[in-house]
Amino acid sequence: MTDDLQFSWELRGSGWATCRIADSNSERKDAVSYCTDALADLLHGVVGLYGASAVQRVSFDLEPAEVRWVLRSRGLNVDIAIYRFPDISTSWDAPDEQGTLAWSSTQPRRVLGHVVIDAAQAVLQLHGEDGYREKWVQHSFPVAALQDLHRLHLRQDRCDRQHELSFP
């Protein structure tokens, strides 16, 4: 297990985002389409790690490929496994193992929560809600999901890093 997770979400053009996750061993980068509400789905998935469900799945449409993040709670740690499928239209209900394992890491939940909050907040600060909607086209910025994750992270993880949510 490491404690060196990096995560970013950058809007690119109209309807595309670059999603990057890395630890000291490896990096994964994908061009994610707006065909799903990808950032909101990720925030909800991480929020789910604070509840009773030990496994959360989040799918990103890469047109036509799919990457599926499988987040498994292991006490205060999370196993992160990213599987790649060649076509989202045929893989939507396929078992995780039918995909190719593209990236994996085990991280403290507090670290995962922290980097996802920071990345979402950076997107909001850069683009604002109107700018996000303009670039992401079909979906609004997931304010409520970010607030939920922030609240749970601060309450349950006792993160000692700075967190200042602000809404332009």
N, C-alpha and C. Protein backbone atom coordinates (compact mmCIF):
# COMPACT_ATOMS: atom_id res chain seq x y z
N MET A 1 0.84 -1.19 0.00
CA MET A 1 0.00 0.00 0.00
C MET A 1 0.88 1.25 0.00
N THR A 2 0.44 2.23 -0.74
CA THR A 2 1.17 3.49 -0.79
C THR A 2 0.27 4.61 -0.31
N ASP A 3 0.85 5.76 -0.12
CA ASP A 3 0.08 6.94 0.33
C ASP A 3 0.48 8.13 -0.55
N ASP A 4 0.60 7.87 -1.85
CA ASP A 4 1.15 8.86 -2.77
C ASP A 4 0.25 9.06 -3.98
N LEU A 5 -1.03 8.97 -3.79
CA LEU A 5 -1.98 9.02 -4.89
C LEU A 5 -2.10 10.42 -5.48
N GLN A 6 -2.17 10.48 -6.81
CA GLN A 6 -2.43 11.72 -7.54
C GLN A 6 -3.64 11.49 -8.43
N PHE A 7 -4.49 12.49 -8.54
CA PHE A 7 -5.67 12.37 -9.38
C PHE A 7 -5.98 13.73 -9.97
N SER A 8 -6.34 13.75 -11.26
CA SER A 8 -6.78 15.00 -11.88
C SER A 8 -7.90 14.72 -12.86
N TRP A 9 -8.70 15.76 -13.05
CA TRP A 9 -9.83 15.73 -13.99
C TRP A 9 -9.81 17.07 -14.73
N GLU A 10 -9.52 17.05 -16.02
CA GLU A 10 -9.41 18.28 -16.78
C GLU A 10 -10.36 18.24 -17.97
N LEU A 11 -11.22 19.24 -18.06
CA LEU A 11 -12.13 19.34 -19.19
C LEU A 11 -11.33 19.74 -20.42
N ARG A 12 -11.63 19.06 -21.54
CA ARG A 12 -10.92 19.30 -22.80
C ARG A 12 -11.96 19.49 -23.90
N GLY A 13 -12.00 20.63 -24.48
CA GLY A 13 -12.94 20.85 -25.57
C GLY A 13 -14.37 20.72 -25.09
N SER A 14 -15.23 20.29 -25.98
CA SER A 14 -16.64 20.13 -25.67
C SER A 14 -16.96 18.65 -25.50
N GLY A 15 -17.31 18.28 -24.27
CA GLY A 15 -17.74 16.91 -24.02
C GLY A 15 -16.64 15.91 -23.74
N TRP A 16 -15.45 16.36 -23.43
CA TRP A 16 -14.33 15.45 -23.14
C TRP A 16 -13.57 15.92 -21.90
N ALA A 17 -13.07 14.95 -21.16
CA ALA A 17 -12.22 15.24 -20.00
C ALA A 17 -11.05 14.27 -20.01
N THR A 18 -9.93 14.74 -19.52
CA THR A 18 -8.79 13.85 -19.31
C THR A 18 -8.77 13.49 -17.83
N CYS A 19 -8.86 12.20 -17.58
CA CYS A 19 -8.83 11.67 -16.22
C CYS A 19 -7.48 11.01 -16.03
N ARG A 20 -6.76 11.42 -14.98
CA ARG A 20 -5.42 10.87 -14.71
C ARG A 20 -5.36 10.42 -13.26
N ILE A 21 -4.90 9.20 -13.05
CA ILE A 21 -4.66 8.70 -11.70
C ILE A 21 -3.28 8.05 -11.70
N ALA A 22 -2.53 8.28 -10.62
CA ALA A 22 -1.16 7.76 -10.56
C ALA A 22 -0.76 7.53 -9.11
N ASP A 23 0.13 6.58 -8.93
CA ASP A 23 0.82 6.40 -7.66
C ASP A 23 2.31 6.27 -7.98
N SER A 24 3.11 5.90 -7.04
CA SER A 24 4.56 5.85 -7.28
C SER A 24 4.95 4.73 -8.25
N ASN A 25 4.05 3.80 -8.53
CA ASN A 25 4.37 2.68 -9.40
C ASN A 25 3.92 2.86 -10.84
N SER A 26 2.78 3.51 -11.05
CA SER A 26 2.26 3.60 -12.40
C SER A 26 1.21 4.70 -12.51
N GLU A 27 0.81 4.93 -13.77
CA GLU A 27 -0.14 6.00 -14.08
C GLU A 27 -1.16 5.48 -15.08
N ARG A 28 -2.38 5.99 -14.98
CA ARG A 28 -3.43 5.69 -15.95
C ARG A 28 -4.05 7.00 -16.40
N LYS A 29 -4.20 7.18 -17.71
CA LYS A 29 -4.80 8.39 -18.24
C LYS A 29 -5.82 7.99 -19.30
N ASP A 30 -7.01 8.59 -19.23
CA ASP A 30 -8.06 8.29 -20.20
C ASP A 30 -8.74 9.56 -20.66
N ALA A 31 -9.21 9.56 -21.92
CA ALA A 31 -10.04 10.63 -22.45
C ALA A 31 -11.49 10.17 -22.29
N VAL A 32 -12.20 10.80 -21.36
CA VAL A 32 -13.54 10.39 -20.95
C VAL A 32 -14.58 11.25 -21.66
N SER A 33 -15.64 10.59 -22.14
CA SER A 33 -16.71 11.26 -22.85
C SER A 33 -17.84 11.69 -21.92
N TYR A 34 -18.57 12.70 -22.36
CA TYR A 34 -19.73 13.20 -21.62
C TYR A 34 -20.97 12.33 -21.78
N CYS A 35 -20.86 11.20 -22.45
CA CYS A 35 -22.01 10.31 -22.62
C CYS A 35 -22.52 9.77 -21.29
N THR A 36 -21.67 9.79 -20.27
CA THR A 36 -22.12 9.51 -18.91
C THR A 36 -21.76 10.73 -18.06
N ASP A 37 -22.37 10.83 -16.91
CA ASP A 37 -22.07 11.93 -15.99
C ASP A 37 -20.87 11.51 -15.13
N ALA A 38 -19.74 11.37 -15.79
CA ALA A 38 -18.58 10.68 -15.25
C ALA A 38 -18.05 11.24 -13.93
N LEU A 39 -17.86 12.55 -13.83
CA LEU A 39 -17.33 13.11 -12.59
C LEU A 39 -18.32 12.91 -11.44
N ALA A 40 -19.60 13.12 -11.71
CA ALA A 40 -20.62 12.88 -10.68
C ALA A 40 -20.63 11.41 -10.28
N ASP A 41 -20.53 10.52 -11.24
CA ASP A 41 -20.53 9.09 -10.93
C ASP A 41 -19.33 8.73 -10.05
N LEU A 42 -18.17 9.31 -10.34
CA LEU A 42 -17.00 9.04 -9.52
C LEU A 42 -17.19 9.57 -8.10
N LEU A 43 -17.68 10.80 -7.97
CA LEU A 43 -17.92 11.36 -6.64
C LEU A 43 -18.90 10.48 -5.87
N HIS A 44 -19.99 10.05 -6.50
CA HIS A 44 -20.96 9.17 -5.83
C HIS A 44 -20.32 7.84 -5.45
N GLY A 45 -19.47 7.32 -6.32
CA GLY A 45 -18.79 6.07 -6.01
C GLY A 45 -17.90 6.18 -4.79
N VAL A 46 -17.15 7.26 -4.69
CA VAL A 46 -16.29 7.45 -3.51
C VAL A 46 -17.15 7.70 -2.28
N VAL A 47 -18.24 8.45 -2.41
CA VAL A 47 -19.17 8.64 -1.29
C VAL A 47 -19.65 7.28 -0.79
N GLY A 48 -19.95 6.38 -1.71
CA GLY A 48 -20.44 5.05 -1.34
C GLY A 48 -19.48 4.26 -0.47
N LEU A 49 -18.19 4.57 -0.54
CA LEU A 49 -17.20 3.87 0.28
C LEU A 49 -17.36 4.19 1.77
N TYR A 50 -18.10 5.25 2.08
CA TYR A 50 -18.33 5.64 3.47
C TYR A 50 -19.59 4.99 4.04
N GLY A 51 -20.29 4.19 3.22
CA GLY A 51 -21.52 3.55 3.65
C GLY A 51 -21.34 2.07 3.88
N ALA A 52 -22.43 1.35 3.78
CA ALA A 52 -22.44 -0.08 4.07
C ALA A 52 -21.90 -0.93 2.93
N SER A 53 -21.88 -0.39 1.72
CA SER A 53 -21.45 -1.18 0.57
C SER A 53 -19.92 -1.20 0.47
N ALA A 54 -19.37 -2.39 0.41
CA ALA A 54 -17.91 -2.54 0.38
C ALA A 54 -17.33 -2.37 -1.02
N VAL A 55 -18.18 -2.42 -2.06
CA VAL A 55 -17.69 -2.34 -3.43
C VAL A 55 -18.50 -1.29 -4.19
N GLN A 56 -17.80 -0.42 -4.89
CA GLN A 56 -18.41 0.59 -5.74
C GLN A 56 -17.83 0.44 -7.14
N ARG A 57 -18.68 0.56 -8.15
CA ARG A 57 -18.24 0.50 -9.54
C ARG A 57 -18.62 1.78 -10.25
N VAL A 58 -17.68 2.31 -11.02
CA VAL A 58 -17.90 3.54 -11.79
C VAL A 58 -17.39 3.29 -13.20
N SER A 59 -18.26 3.52 -14.19
CA SER A 59 -17.88 3.30 -15.58
C SER A 59 -17.72 4.63 -16.30
N PHE A 60 -16.67 4.72 -17.10
CA PHE A 60 -16.43 5.88 -17.93
C PHE A 60 -16.50 5.44 -19.39
N ASP A 61 -17.23 6.21 -20.19
CA ASP A 61 -17.34 5.94 -21.62
C ASP A 61 -16.19 6.64 -22.34
N LEU A 62 -15.41 5.85 -23.07
CA LEU A 62 -14.29 6.40 -23.84
C LEU A 62 -14.62 6.45 -25.32
N GLU A 63 -15.83 6.08 -25.69
CA GLU A 63 -16.30 6.07 -27.09
C GLU A 63 -15.31 5.41 -28.04
N PRO A 64 -15.35 4.13 -28.23
CA PRO A 64 -16.38 3.20 -27.80
C PRO A 64 -16.01 2.39 -26.57
N ALA A 65 -14.77 2.49 -26.13
CA ALA A 65 -14.31 1.65 -25.01
C ALA A 65 -14.94 2.08 -23.68
N GLU A 66 -14.81 1.23 -22.70
CA GLU A 66 -15.23 1.52 -21.32
C GLU A 66 -14.05 1.28 -20.41
N VAL A 67 -13.87 2.15 -19.42
CA VAL A 67 -13.02 1.82 -18.29
C VAL A 67 -13.94 1.78 -17.08
N ARG A 68 -13.76 0.76 -16.29
CA ARG A 68 -14.58 0.55 -15.10
C ARG A 68 -13.69 0.57 -13.88
N TRP A 69 -13.95 1.50 -12.99
CA TRP A 69 -13.24 1.57 -11.73
C TRP A 69 -13.99 0.71 -10.72
N VAL A 70 -13.28 -0.20 -10.09
CA VAL A 70 -13.85 -1.02 -9.03
C VAL A 70 -13.13 -0.62 -7.74
N LEU A 71 -13.89 -0.05 -6.82
CA LEU A 71 -13.36 0.44 -5.55
C LEU A 71 -13.84 -0.50 -4.45
N ARG A 72 -12.90 -1.17 -3.77
CA ARG A 72 -13.24 -2.12 -2.70
C ARG A 72 -12.70 -1.62 -1.37
N SER A 73 -13.61 -1.46 -0.43
CA SER A 73 -13.20 -1.07 0.92
C SER A 73 -12.52 -2.24 1.60
N ARG A 74 -11.42 -1.95 2.24
CA ARG A 74 -10.68 -2.92 3.06
C ARG A 74 -10.37 -2.20 4.36
N GLY A 75 -11.35 -2.12 5.23
CA GLY A 75 -11.18 -1.33 6.45
C GLY A 75 -11.08 0.13 6.09
N LEU A 76 -9.98 0.77 6.46
CA LEU A 76 -9.78 2.18 6.13
C LEU A 76 -9.02 2.37 4.82
N ASN A 77 -8.77 1.27 4.12
CA ASN A 77 -8.08 1.31 2.83
C ASN A 77 -9.03 0.97 1.70
N VAL A 78 -8.62 1.32 0.48
CA VAL A 78 -9.42 1.04 -0.71
C VAL A 78 -8.52 0.41 -1.76
N ASP A 79 -8.95 -0.75 -2.26
CA ASP A 79 -8.30 -1.33 -3.43
C ASP A 79 -8.96 -0.70 -4.65
N ILE A 80 -8.16 -0.10 -5.50
CA ILE A 80 -8.65 0.54 -6.73
C ILE A 80 -8.18 -0.33 -7.89
N ALA A 81 -9.13 -0.83 -8.68
CA ALA A 81 -8.79 -1.61 -9.87
C ALA A 81 -9.53 -0.99 -11.05
N ILE A 82 -8.81 -0.72 -12.13
CA ILE A 82 -9.41 -0.14 -13.32
C ILE A 82 -9.31 -1.18 -14.43
N TYR A 83 -10.48 -1.56 -14.94
CA TYR A 83 -10.57 -2.54 -16.01
C TYR A 83 -10.95 -1.83 -17.31
N ARG A 84 -10.37 -2.29 -18.41
CA ARG A 84 -10.69 -1.72 -19.72
C ARG A 84 -11.42 -2.76 -20.56
N PHE A 85 -12.50 -2.31 -21.19
CA PHE A 85 -13.28 -3.13 -22.09
C PHE A 85 -13.28 -2.46 -23.46
N PRO A 86 -13.25 -3.23 -24.55
CA PRO A 86 -13.14 -2.62 -25.88
C PRO A 86 -14.39 -1.87 -26.34
N ASP A 87 -15.58 -2.24 -25.84
CA ASP A 87 -16.80 -1.60 -26.32
C ASP A 87 -17.83 -1.51 -25.21
N ILE A 88 -18.16 -0.29 -24.80
CA ILE A 88 -19.09 -0.10 -23.69
C ILE A 88 -20.49 -0.64 -24.00
N SER A 89 -20.85 -0.68 -25.27
CA SER A 89 -22.20 -1.16 -25.61
C SER A 89 -22.36 -2.66 -25.36
N THR A 90 -21.25 -3.39 -25.32
CA THR A 90 -21.34 -4.83 -25.06
C THR A 90 -20.80 -5.21 -23.69
N SER A 91 -20.16 -4.29 -23.00
CA SER A 91 -19.53 -4.64 -21.71
C SER A 91 -20.30 -4.14 -20.50
N TRP A 92 -21.36 -3.37 -20.72
CA TRP A 92 -22.03 -2.69 -19.61
C TRP A 92 -22.34 -3.62 -18.45
N ASP A 93 -22.80 -4.84 -18.71
CA ASP A 93 -23.15 -5.75 -17.62
C ASP A 93 -22.18 -6.93 -17.52
N ALA A 94 -21.05 -6.84 -18.20
CA ALA A 94 -20.05 -7.91 -18.15
C ALA A 94 -19.35 -7.92 -16.79
N PRO A 95 -18.98 -9.10 -16.30
CA PRO A 95 -18.20 -9.16 -15.06
C PRO A 95 -16.88 -8.40 -15.20
N ASP A 96 -16.41 -7.84 -14.11
CA ASP A 96 -15.17 -7.06 -14.13
C ASP A 96 -14.02 -7.83 -14.77
N GLU A 97 -13.91 -9.11 -14.43
CA GLU A 97 -12.78 -9.93 -14.87
C GLU A 97 -12.75 -10.15 -16.37
N GLN A 98 -13.85 -9.84 -17.09
CA GLN A 98 -13.82 -9.97 -18.54
C GLN A 98 -13.05 -8.81 -19.18
N GLY A 99 -12.85 -7.76 -18.41
CA GLY A 99 -12.03 -6.65 -18.90
C GLY A 99 -10.57 -6.93 -18.63
N THR A 100 -9.73 -6.07 -19.18
CA THR A 100 -8.28 -6.16 -18.95
C THR A 100 -7.93 -5.23 -17.79
N LEU A 101 -7.25 -5.78 -16.79
CA LEU A 101 -6.82 -4.94 -15.67
C LEU A 101 -5.79 -3.94 -16.20
N ALA A 102 -6.14 -2.65 -16.15
CA ALA A 102 -5.31 -1.61 -16.73
C ALA A 102 -4.49 -0.84 -15.69
N TRP A 103 -4.95 -0.84 -14.44
CA TRP A 103 -4.26 -0.10 -13.38
C TRP A 103 -4.82 -0.55 -12.04
N SER A 104 -3.97 -0.60 -11.03
CA SER A 104 -4.45 -0.93 -9.69
C SER A 104 -3.54 -0.33 -8.63
N SER A 105 -4.13 -0.10 -7.47
CA SER A 105 -3.39 0.45 -6.34
C SER A 105 -4.23 0.25 -5.09
N THR A 106 -3.60 0.22 -3.96
CA THR A 106 -4.29 0.23 -2.67
C THR A 106 -3.89 1.51 -1.96
N GLN A 107 -4.90 2.26 -1.52
CA GLN A 107 -4.67 3.56 -0.91
C GLN A 107 -5.55 3.72 0.33
N PRO A 108 -5.11 4.51 1.29
CA PRO A 108 -6.01 4.86 2.39
C PRO A 108 -7.24 5.58 1.83
N ARG A 109 -8.41 5.28 2.37
CA ARG A 109 -9.63 5.95 1.92
C ARG A 109 -9.51 7.45 2.05
N ARG A 110 -8.87 7.92 3.12
CA ARG A 110 -8.74 9.37 3.32
C ARG A 110 -7.94 10.01 2.19
N VAL A 111 -6.95 9.31 1.64
CA VAL A 111 -6.14 9.84 0.54
C VAL A 111 -6.97 9.88 -0.74
N LEU A 112 -7.70 8.79 -1.02
CA LEU A 112 -8.56 8.78 -2.20
C LEU A 112 -9.61 9.88 -2.10
N GLY A 113 -10.28 9.98 -0.97
CA GLY A 113 -11.28 11.04 -0.79
C GLY A 113 -10.68 12.41 -1.00
N HIS A 114 -9.52 12.62 -0.43
CA HIS A 114 -8.86 13.92 -0.52
C HIS A 114 -8.54 14.31 -1.97
N VAL A 115 -7.91 13.40 -2.73
CA VAL A 115 -7.50 13.77 -4.09
C VAL A 115 -8.69 13.95 -5.02
N VAL A 116 -9.76 13.19 -4.80
CA VAL A 116 -10.95 13.35 -5.64
C VAL A 116 -11.64 14.67 -5.32
N ILE A 117 -11.73 15.02 -4.04
CA ILE A 117 -12.29 16.33 -3.65
C ILE A 117 -11.47 17.45 -4.28
N ASP A 118 -10.16 17.39 -4.15
CA ASP A 118 -9.30 18.45 -4.69
C ASP A 118 -9.45 18.59 -6.20
N ALA A 119 -9.52 17.47 -6.91
CA ALA A 119 -9.64 17.53 -8.37
C ALA A 119 -10.98 18.14 -8.78
N ALA A 120 -12.06 17.71 -8.14
CA ALA A 120 -13.38 18.26 -8.46
C ALA A 120 -13.44 19.74 -8.14
N GLN A 121 -12.88 20.12 -7.00
CA GLN A 121 -12.86 21.54 -6.61
C GLN A 121 -12.05 22.36 -7.60
N ALA A 122 -10.95 21.80 -8.10
CA ALA A 122 -10.13 22.52 -9.09
C ALA A 122 -10.91 22.75 -10.39
N VAL A 123 -11.69 21.77 -10.81
CA VAL A 123 -12.52 21.92 -12.01
C VAL A 123 -13.54 23.02 -11.80
N LEU A 124 -14.19 23.00 -10.63
CA LEU A 124 -15.21 24.01 -10.32
C LEU A 124 -14.59 25.41 -10.25
N GLN A 125 -13.44 25.54 -9.63
CA GLN A 125 -12.77 26.84 -9.52
C GLN A 125 -12.37 27.37 -10.89
N LEU A 126 -11.90 26.50 -11.76
CA LEU A 126 -11.43 26.92 -13.07
C LEU A 126 -12.58 27.31 -14.00
N HIS A 127 -13.66 26.53 -13.98
CA HIS A 127 -14.73 26.72 -14.96
C HIS A 127 -16.01 27.32 -14.39
N GLY A 128 -16.23 27.20 -13.08
CA GLY A 128 -17.51 27.60 -12.51
C GLY A 128 -18.60 26.64 -12.96
N GLU A 129 -19.77 26.76 -12.37
CA GLU A 129 -20.87 25.86 -12.73
C GLU A 129 -21.32 26.08 -14.17
N ASP A 130 -21.42 27.33 -14.60
CA ASP A 130 -21.86 27.62 -15.97
C ASP A 130 -20.84 27.14 -16.99
N GLY A 131 -19.57 27.38 -16.72
CA GLY A 131 -18.53 26.94 -17.64
C GLY A 131 -18.43 25.43 -17.72
N TYR A 132 -18.63 24.77 -16.57
CA TYR A 132 -18.63 23.31 -16.57
C TYR A 132 -19.75 22.79 -17.47
N ARG A 133 -20.96 23.32 -17.29
CA ARG A 133 -22.11 22.88 -18.08
C ARG A 133 -21.87 23.15 -19.57
N GLU A 134 -21.26 24.27 -19.88
CA GLU A 134 -20.97 24.60 -21.27
C GLU A 134 -20.00 23.58 -21.88
N LYS A 135 -18.98 23.19 -21.14
CA LYS A 135 -17.99 22.25 -21.65
C LYS A 135 -18.46 20.80 -21.58
N TRP A 136 -19.19 20.45 -20.50
CA TRP A 136 -19.59 19.05 -20.31
C TRP A 136 -20.94 18.78 -20.97
N VAL A 137 -21.58 19.78 -21.44
CA VAL A 137 -22.76 19.79 -22.31
C VAL A 137 -24.00 19.19 -21.68
N GLN A 138 -24.03 17.90 -21.40
CA GLN A 138 -25.26 17.23 -20.98
C GLN A 138 -25.49 17.21 -19.47
N HIS A 139 -24.50 17.59 -18.70
CA HIS A 139 -24.61 17.43 -17.26
C HIS A 139 -24.09 18.67 -16.53
N SER A 140 -24.74 19.00 -15.43
CA SER A 140 -24.30 20.10 -14.58
C SER A 140 -23.20 19.64 -13.65
N PHE A 141 -22.47 20.59 -13.08
CA PHE A 141 -21.44 20.24 -12.11
C PHE A 141 -22.11 19.57 -10.91
N PRO A 142 -21.54 18.48 -10.41
CA PRO A 142 -22.15 17.72 -9.31
C PRO A 142 -21.89 18.33 -7.93
N VAL A 143 -22.48 19.49 -7.68
CA VAL A 143 -22.27 20.22 -6.43
C VAL A 143 -22.64 19.37 -5.21
N ALA A 144 -23.83 18.77 -5.23
CA ALA A 144 -24.31 18.01 -4.07
C ALA A 144 -23.40 16.82 -3.78
N ALA A 145 -22.94 16.13 -4.82
CA ALA A 145 -22.06 14.98 -4.62
C ALA A 145 -20.72 15.42 -4.03
N LEU A 146 -20.19 16.54 -4.49
CA LEU A 146 -18.94 17.07 -3.93
C LEU A 146 -19.13 17.46 -2.46
N GLN A 147 -20.23 18.10 -2.15
CA GLN A 147 -20.51 18.47 -0.76
C GLN A 147 -20.66 17.24 0.13
N ASP A 148 -21.34 16.20 -0.37
CA ASP A 148 -21.50 14.96 0.40
C ASP A 148 -20.15 14.32 0.68
N LEU A 149 -19.32 14.22 -0.35
CA LEU A 149 -18.00 13.61 -0.16
C LEU A 149 -17.17 14.43 0.82
N HIS A 150 -17.19 15.72 0.68
CA HIS A 150 -16.44 16.60 1.58
C HIS A 150 -16.87 16.39 3.04
N ARG A 151 -18.18 16.38 3.27
CA ARG A 151 -18.73 16.20 4.62
C ARG A 151 -18.31 14.85 5.21
N LEU A 152 -18.48 13.77 4.44
CA LEU A 152 -18.13 12.44 4.94
C LEU A 152 -16.63 12.29 5.16
N HIS A 153 -15.86 12.82 4.26
CA HIS A 153 -14.40 12.75 4.36
C HIS A 153 -13.91 13.45 5.62
N LEU A 154 -14.40 14.65 5.87
CA LEU A 154 -13.96 15.37 7.07
C LEU A 154 -14.42 14.68 8.35
N ARG A 155 -15.63 14.17 8.34
CA ARG A 155 -16.18 13.55 9.55
C ARG A 155 -15.56 12.19 9.84
N GLN A 156 -15.40 11.37 8.80
CA GLN A 156 -14.99 9.99 9.05
C GLN A 156 -13.50 9.72 8.86
N ASP A 157 -12.83 10.53 8.09
CA ASP A 157 -11.40 10.28 7.84
C ASP A 157 -10.48 11.12 8.71
N ARG A 158 -10.99 12.18 9.26
CA ARG A 158 -10.16 13.09 10.07
C ARG A 158 -8.89 13.47 9.30
N CYS A 159 -9.10 13.88 8.07
CA CYS A 159 -7.99 14.26 7.20
C CYS A 159 -7.31 15.50 7.76
N ASP A 160 -6.00 15.49 7.80
CA ASP A 160 -5.26 16.63 8.35
C ASP A 160 -4.82 17.61 7.27
N ARG A 161 -5.21 17.38 6.02
CA ARG A 161 -4.89 18.29 4.93
C ARG A 161 -5.96 19.38 4.85
N GLN A 162 -5.63 20.48 4.23
CA GLN A 162 -6.56 21.59 4.10
C GLN A 162 -7.65 21.27 3.07
N HIS A 163 -8.88 21.62 3.42
CA HIS A 163 -10.01 21.48 2.51
C HIS A 163 -10.86 22.73 2.62
N GLU A 164 -10.94 23.44 1.56
CA GLU A 164 -11.80 24.62 1.52
C GLU A 164 -12.67 24.52 0.28
N LEU A 165 -13.92 24.14 0.47
CA LEU A 165 -14.84 24.15 -0.66
C LEU A 165 -15.31 25.58 -0.89
N SER A 166 -15.26 25.97 -2.14
CA SER A 166 -15.82 27.28 -2.48
C SER A 166 -16.51 27.16 -3.82
N PHE A 167 -17.60 27.86 -3.93
CA PHE A 167 -18.39 27.82 -5.13
C PHE A 167 -18.44 29.20 -5.75
N PRO A 168 -17.78 29.33 -6.93
CA PRO A 168 -17.70 30.65 -7.57
C PRO A 168 -19.07 31.21 -7.91
